[in-house]
Each structure stands twice: as structure tokens, then as C-alpha cells.
Protein backbone atom coordinates (compact mmCIF):
# COMPACT_ATOMS: atom_id res chain seq x y z
CA UNK A 1 6.84 33.83 22.26
CA UNK A 2 5.57 30.64 20.60
CA UNK A 3 4.73 32.47 17.39
CA UNK A 4 8.13 34.16 17.42
CA UNK A 5 9.95 30.83 17.96
CA UNK A 6 7.93 29.13 15.24
CA UNK A 7 8.67 31.98 12.87
CA UNK A 8 12.41 31.75 13.55
CA UNK A 9 12.35 27.96 13.05
CA UNK A 10 10.56 28.33 9.72
CA UNK A 11 12.99 31.00 8.59
CA UNK A 12 15.97 28.83 9.51
CA UNK A 13 14.49 25.84 7.69
CA UNK A 14 13.78 27.95 4.61
CA UNK A 15 17.32 29.31 4.66
CA UNK A 16 18.84 25.83 4.96
CA UNK A 17 16.68 24.56 2.11
CA UNK A 18 17.55 27.50 -0.12
CA UNK A 19 21.25 26.65 0.26
CA UNK A 20 20.79 23.13 -1.13
CA UNK A 21 22.06 22.73 -4.66
CA UNK A 22 20.85 19.21 -5.37
CA UNK A 23 18.47 16.45 -4.31
CA UNK A 24 18.52 12.71 -4.95
CA UNK A 25 16.64 12.26 -8.22
CA UNK A 26 13.98 9.55 -8.54
CA UNK A 27 12.09 8.66 -11.70
CA UNK A 28 8.95 6.54 -11.78
CA UNK A 29 7.82 4.92 -15.02
CA UNK A 30 4.29 3.73 -14.40
CA UNK A 31 0.57 4.23 -14.90
CA UNK A 32 -1.59 7.04 -13.56
CA UNK A 33 -4.15 6.18 -10.87
CA UNK A 34 -7.04 8.63 -11.10
CA UNK A 35 -7.98 7.80 -7.50
CA UNK A 36 -4.56 8.88 -6.24
CA UNK A 37 -3.83 5.78 -4.19
CA UNK A 38 -1.35 3.89 -6.35
CA UNK A 39 0.74 4.24 -9.50
CA UNK A 40 2.45 7.49 -10.40
CA UNK A 41 0.59 9.38 -7.70
CA UNK A 42 1.70 7.06 -4.89
CA UNK A 43 5.26 7.04 -6.21
CA UNK A 44 5.59 10.83 -6.29
CA UNK A 45 4.16 11.16 -2.78
CA UNK A 46 6.64 8.58 -1.54
CA UNK A 47 9.57 10.32 -3.23
CA UNK A 48 8.55 13.53 -1.47
CA UNK A 49 8.22 11.77 1.88
CA UNK A 50 11.81 10.57 1.46
CA UNK A 51 13.01 14.10 0.61
CA UNK A 52 13.96 13.22 -2.96
CA UNK A 53 13.11 14.94 -6.24
CA UNK A 54 10.42 12.99 -8.07
CA UNK A 55 9.95 12.78 -11.84
CA UNK A 56 7.54 10.70 -13.89
CA UNK A 57 7.04 8.94 -17.20
CA UNK A 58 3.42 7.90 -17.70
CA UNK A 59 2.75 4.62 -19.49
CA UNK A 60 -1.03 4.44 -19.11
CA UNK A 61 -4.01 6.31 -17.74
CA UNK A 62 -6.45 4.38 -15.61
CA UNK A 63 -9.96 5.15 -14.44
CA UNK A 64 -9.95 3.71 -10.93
CA UNK A 65 -10.98 4.39 -7.37
CA UNK A 66 -11.45 2.53 -4.11
CA UNK A 67 -13.93 0.20 -5.85
CA UNK A 68 -11.50 -1.05 -8.48
CA UNK A 69 -10.30 -0.36 -12.01
CA UNK A 70 -12.95 0.77 -14.48
CA UNK A 71 -10.78 1.37 -17.53
CA UNK A 72 -7.24 1.56 -18.92
CA UNK A 73 -5.77 3.49 -21.86
CA UNK A 74 -2.14 2.72 -22.72
CA UNK A 75 0.04 5.42 -24.23
CA UNK A 76 1.93 4.88 -27.45
CA UNK A 77 5.39 3.35 -26.85
CA UNK A 78 6.96 6.17 -28.89
CA UNK A 79 5.53 8.75 -26.48
CA UNK A 80 6.75 6.76 -23.48
CA UNK A 81 10.18 6.83 -25.10
CA UNK A 82 9.92 10.58 -25.71
CA UNK A 83 9.12 11.19 -22.03
CA UNK A 84 12.12 9.11 -20.98
CA UNK A 85 14.40 11.04 -23.32
CA UNK A 86 13.11 14.35 -21.93
CA UNK A 87 13.80 13.35 -18.33
CA UNK A 88 16.94 11.24 -18.57
CA UNK A 89 18.52 13.37 -21.29
CA UNK A 90 18.29 16.51 -19.16
CA UNK A 91 17.63 15.94 -15.45
CA UNK A 92 19.01 12.42 -15.14
CA UNK A 93 18.07 10.03 -12.34
CA UNK A 94 19.87 8.52 -9.36
CA UNK A 95 17.27 5.74 -9.24
CA UNK A 96 14.41 4.59 -11.46
CA UNK A 97 11.34 2.62 -10.44
CA UNK A 98 9.13 0.87 -12.99
CA UNK A 99 5.54 0.00 -12.21
CA UNK A 100 2.66 -0.69 -14.55
CA UNK A 101 4.06 -1.03 -18.08
CA UNK A 102 1.16 -2.94 -19.59
CA UNK A 103 2.34 -4.07 -23.01
CA UNK A 104 5.32 -5.90 -24.48
CA UNK A 105 6.09 -2.91 -26.70
CA UNK A 106 6.25 -0.54 -23.72
CA UNK A 107 8.40 -2.99 -21.71
CA UNK A 108 10.82 -3.20 -24.62
CA UNK A 109 11.16 0.53 -25.20
CA UNK A 110 11.58 1.17 -21.46
CA UNK A 111 14.31 -1.48 -21.24
CA UNK A 112 16.06 -0.07 -24.33
CA UNK A 113 16.18 3.47 -22.92
CA UNK A 114 17.28 2.32 -19.44
CA UNK A 115 20.10 0.36 -21.03
CA UNK A 116 21.04 3.34 -23.20
CA UNK A 117 21.30 5.65 -20.19
CA UNK A 118 23.08 2.98 -18.10
CA UNK A 119 20.67 3.28 -15.18
CA UNK A 120 22.30 1.44 -12.27
CA UNK A 121 19.67 1.78 -9.53
CA UNK A 122 16.64 0.21 -11.20
CA UNK A 123 13.79 -1.09 -9.04
CA UNK A 124 11.36 -3.21 -11.06
CA UNK A 125 7.90 -3.62 -9.56
CA UNK A 126 6.28 -6.08 -12.01
CA UNK A 127 2.71 -4.80 -11.79
CA UNK A 128 0.51 -7.43 -13.43
CA UNK A 129 -2.85 -7.65 -11.66
CA UNK A 130 -4.64 -5.02 -9.58
CA UNK A 131 -5.72 -5.82 -6.04
CA UNK A 132 -9.29 -5.94 -7.35
CA UNK A 133 -8.32 -8.59 -9.90
CA UNK A 134 -8.08 -6.41 -13.04
CA UNK A 135 -5.33 -7.52 -15.43
CA UNK A 136 -2.77 -4.74 -15.88
CA UNK A 137 -0.20 -6.56 -18.04
CA UNK A 138 -0.88 -8.21 -21.37
CA UNK A 139 0.14 -11.90 -21.43
CA UNK A 140 2.88 -11.53 -24.06
CA UNK A 141 4.58 -8.88 -21.93
CA UNK A 142 5.55 -11.38 -19.22
CA UNK A 143 8.26 -12.92 -21.40
CA UNK A 144 9.49 -9.45 -22.36
CA UNK A 145 9.92 -8.67 -18.65
CA UNK A 146 12.06 -11.78 -18.22
CA UNK A 147 14.15 -11.21 -21.33
CA UNK A 148 14.66 -7.44 -21.32
CA UNK A 149 13.88 -5.80 -17.99
CA UNK A 150 14.75 -8.12 -15.12
CA UNK A 151 18.41 -8.47 -16.22
CA UNK A 152 18.77 -4.67 -15.84
CA UNK A 153 17.29 -4.52 -12.33
CA UNK A 154 19.20 -3.91 -9.15
CA UNK A 155 16.06 -5.00 -7.29
CA UNK A 156 12.82 -6.68 -8.38
CA UNK A 157 9.87 -6.54 -5.95
CA UNK A 158 7.03 -8.91 -6.91
CA UNK A 159 4.25 -9.85 -4.55
CA UNK A 160 3.32 -13.52 -4.27
CA UNK A 161 0.86 -13.46 -7.19
CA UNK A 162 3.32 -11.64 -9.46
CA UNK A 163 6.14 -14.00 -8.49
CA UNK A 164 3.93 -16.95 -9.40
CA UNK A 165 3.20 -15.51 -12.84
CA UNK A 166 6.90 -14.89 -13.48
CA UNK A 167 8.15 -18.31 -12.36
CA UNK A 168 5.21 -20.29 -13.69
CA UNK A 169 4.07 -22.11 -10.54
CA UNK A 170 2.07 -21.28 -7.40
CA UNK A 171 3.70 -19.20 -4.67
CA UNK A 172 1.60 -19.59 -1.54
CA UNK A 173 3.90 -20.56 1.32
CA UNK A 174 7.07 -19.32 2.98
CA UNK A 175 9.07 -22.07 1.25
CA UNK A 176 7.47 -21.19 -2.09
CA UNK A 177 8.64 -17.60 -1.64
CA UNK A 178 12.23 -18.71 -1.10
CA UNK A 179 12.14 -20.97 -4.14
CA UNK A 180 10.62 -18.21 -6.29
CA UNK A 181 13.28 -15.76 -5.10
CA UNK A 182 16.02 -18.13 -6.29
CA UNK A 183 14.34 -18.62 -9.66
CA UNK A 184 13.82 -14.90 -10.15
CA UNK A 185 17.43 -14.17 -9.20
CA UNK A 186 18.52 -16.52 -11.99
CA UNK A 187 16.71 -14.20 -14.44
CA UNK A 188 19.26 -11.45 -13.84
CA UNK A 189 18.40 -8.97 -11.06
CA UNK A 190 20.97 -8.34 -8.35
CA UNK A 191 18.40 -8.70 -5.56
CA UNK A 192 14.91 -10.16 -5.30
CA UNK A 193 12.28 -9.12 -2.75
CA UNK A 194 9.24 -11.41 -2.72
CA UNK A 195 6.61 -9.51 -0.75
CA UNK A 196 4.34 -11.48 1.53
CA UNK A 197 2.02 -8.68 2.56
CA UNK A 198 -0.77 -10.29 0.56
CA UNK A 199 -2.47 -12.85 2.74
CA UNK A 200 -1.21 -16.30 1.88
CA UNK A 201 -0.96 -19.69 3.48
CA UNK A 202 2.04 -18.88 5.62
CA UNK A 203 1.10 -21.10 8.54
CA UNK A 204 1.77 -19.54 11.93
CA UNK A 205 3.15 -16.47 10.17
CA UNK A 206 -0.30 -15.22 9.12
CA UNK A 207 -0.18 -12.56 11.86
CA UNK A 208 2.92 -11.08 10.23
CA UNK A 209 3.72 -9.48 6.91
CA UNK A 210 6.87 -11.26 5.77
CA UNK A 211 9.10 -10.38 2.84
CA UNK A 212 11.92 -12.59 1.57
CA UNK A 213 15.10 -10.95 0.23
CA UNK A 214 17.66 -12.89 -1.78
CA UNK A 215 20.92 -11.59 -3.21
CA UNK A 216 22.24 -14.79 -4.74
CA UNK A 217 23.96 -15.89 -1.54
CA UNK A 218 21.89 -14.96 1.49
CA UNK A 219 18.20 -15.05 2.36
CA UNK A 220 17.02 -12.23 4.63
CA UNK A 221 13.57 -12.07 6.20
CA UNK A 222 11.86 -8.75 6.83
CA UNK A 223 8.81 -9.02 9.05
CA UNK A 224 6.32 -6.64 10.60
CA UNK A 225 2.99 -7.13 12.37
CA UNK A 226 0.19 -7.42 9.83
CA UNK A 227 -1.92 -4.28 10.20
CA UNK A 228 -5.67 -4.74 9.79
CA UNK A 229 -6.96 -1.95 7.55
CA UNK A 230 -9.07 -1.47 4.44
CA UNK A 231 -6.74 1.34 3.40
CA UNK A 232 -3.96 -0.58 1.67
CA UNK A 233 -4.34 0.52 -1.95
CA UNK A 234 -0.91 1.16 -3.44
CA UNK A 235 1.25 -0.70 -0.91
CA UNK A 236 3.26 -2.45 -3.63
CA UNK A 237 3.90 0.74 -5.57
CA UNK A 238 4.84 2.51 -2.37
CA UNK A 239 7.30 -0.15 -1.24
CA UNK A 240 9.12 -0.15 -4.58
CA UNK A 241 9.28 3.65 -4.84
CA UNK A 242 10.52 3.86 -1.23
CA UNK A 243 13.28 1.39 -2.12
CA UNK A 244 14.19 3.53 -5.14
CA UNK A 245 14.33 6.63 -2.94
CA UNK A 246 16.64 4.85 -0.52
CA UNK A 247 18.96 3.74 -3.32
CA UNK A 248 18.97 7.26 -4.77
CA UNK A 249 20.03 8.57 -1.38
CA UNK A 250 22.96 6.15 -1.26
CA UNK A 251 21.63 3.25 0.80
CA UNK A 252 22.61 -0.32 0.03
CA UNK A 253 19.68 -2.49 -1.16
CA UNK A 254 19.16 -4.25 2.19
CA UNK A 255 19.03 -0.96 4.11
CA UNK A 256 16.75 0.53 1.46
CA UNK A 257 14.42 -2.47 1.82
CA UNK A 258 14.30 -2.08 5.59
CA UNK A 259 13.50 1.64 5.27
CA UNK A 260 10.78 0.86 2.72
CA UNK A 261 9.26 -1.84 4.93
CA UNK A 262 9.16 0.48 7.94
CA UNK A 263 7.63 3.28 5.89
CA UNK A 264 4.86 1.12 4.38
CA UNK A 265 4.01 -0.46 7.74
CA UNK A 266 3.85 2.99 9.31
CA UNK A 267 1.55 4.54 6.74
CA UNK A 268 -0.83 1.56 6.78
CA UNK A 269 -1.17 1.97 10.52
CA UNK A 270 -1.54 5.74 10.30
CA UNK A 271 -4.22 5.43 7.59
CA UNK A 272 -6.58 3.00 9.31
CA UNK A 273 -9.08 5.70 10.18
CA UNK A 274 -9.25 7.34 6.75
CA UNK A 275 -12.69 7.40 5.14
CA UNK A 276 -11.89 8.05 1.47
CA UNK A 277 -14.18 6.27 -0.99
CA UNK A 278 -16.76 3.60 -0.29
CA UNK A 279 -14.99 0.67 -1.94
CA UNK A 280 -13.25 -2.33 -0.42
CA UNK A 281 -9.74 -0.87 -0.59
CA UNK A 282 -9.06 2.75 0.26
CA UNK A 283 -5.91 4.86 -0.25
CA UNK A 284 -3.23 5.63 2.30
CA UNK A 285 -1.91 8.91 3.69
CA UNK A 286 1.65 8.91 2.36
CA UNK A 287 2.59 12.22 3.97
CA UNK A 288 1.42 11.52 7.52
CA UNK A 289 5.03 12.01 8.55
CA UNK A 290 8.34 12.52 6.82
CA UNK A 291 10.15 9.27 6.16
CA UNK A 292 13.55 9.16 7.82
CA UNK A 293 16.36 7.27 6.13
CA UNK A 294 18.97 5.59 8.36
CA UNK A 295 21.85 7.89 9.23
């Protein structure tokens, strides 16, 4: 009886899926992580978990694993542009997430193509330094971010270190995060999310992972218990791609941020027991359960 019921359920699910004519389309423009924990790989897994159709434009190939980043090879900006033309000129995208862009020339060509295709739901994750301390963005590209990319963004999602590099002063406390959010908003994005998941000097809030959202008028705090785990590689990429998936599915930015926060917190907790790699920061299990967007 159980086998028969399971078979019927699978057949019904397959039939329902076969009748779908479209899916929310999500594009990630980022670097490849050979270890599978972050970058393009994390983004595509997240898009799938949110039941969206994932596409990718690769900006760089990295040699990395749970021990850190061993090498980076950036692609030619012209080939990045060609990939974007192939995807956006045919399939289109309901939301785009940018991650590791690496060079000023790549930032510029990405911004030019996004502007050309009038991408409305752009989530910019300004990937600058890996969790192991490896620089992932050339210094002259920071100004290009400010001038060309941030003004196009619906949401920008820096962590505390990235926010500090963008605003030019330390961001270590809760008050610093609020100030940085205001300064980043003045650079053009419609919403800023300063992520506090990285351990900082947040006083009595150290037991929580706190993110600050700012939309030019209102500050909103998203908090969750800080989960103790070595398997946190790719949390920033995952949060931003989850936000993009929510926007592609029609959520407003605040609801998309809440869904992303819940998803990341859930997969960190579900991945605590994973034993993948012998380094200090292991990958997460993005598909431990299907992410559910708010009704």
C-alpha cells in the first residue's frame, strides 16, 4: 500500500510539474568555487532550493576548498559580456545577483550590460575578501562598484568587512552598521542589508546574528540565534542568492530578506554535522530541505 501511495504521489507531482510553463528566472554573475561551497555553485543550489530556474555567468575560476583559496584566474571582460548577452538576450532574468567580480573592467562591463537590459531586481553582493582572508577584488574596482554598480542595485548585501571597505571606516558595532547602511544607501541602491553574521563587537548581541536593513526611511533589524558550526562557507553568497530568488518570485525586498535569513540560518544548523574537508570552514548542505517562500 505504501509503495502504491508513494507511486501515485510521485506521478501526481510529475504531472503537476509537467504542466508548468514557466519558472522565476534567476541569474548569478560570480566566480566558480571548485570546492562547491560558495560562489556560482552555492548560488545555483540556492536557486533550486527556492524552486527557481538558475542561470550563470562566470567571472573567475578559483582553486579553493575548506582550507582556503589557493588560486584565482579571472576571465576576460569580453567573455563575461558574451555570457551575459547569451543569457539575457534569450532567456532573460527576473532577478540578477552579482558576487565575485574581481576587477574594475569586469565590474564596468557587468554594469553596462545590466543597464542595457534594464534589470530591475539586482542584488549586489560586493564580494571583496574571502573568509580565509584572500583578496577577491582588486583595489581599483572598489570605486567602480560605487560609481557604476551600486546605483543600479535594488539591494546591496555587504558583510561588516565589505561595508567598511566601501564606506572607508571601520564597521564593528551595531551603531557602525546603521551608519554604514545610511552611507551605502546614499550611493544609490534602493535597500541596504549590512550583515552581522561575522562575529563583531556587538556587545550583548554576540549570541545573535543581526542584520541591519535600511530603505532610506526605516531601519529594520533581522536577528537569529548565532549557530555554532565550522560549516559556514558560502553564507554570504547564499543569503544574496536567496534574496534574488525571493525577488524573482515576486516578494518585496523586506520579505525576501526575511526568507533569505531563515533559509541561511536553517542550513547552517542542518549542516553542523557535515564532515566535508579538513579545513577550518566547511561547506553547507543547501538542499537539506526545500526553501518555502511566504504565501
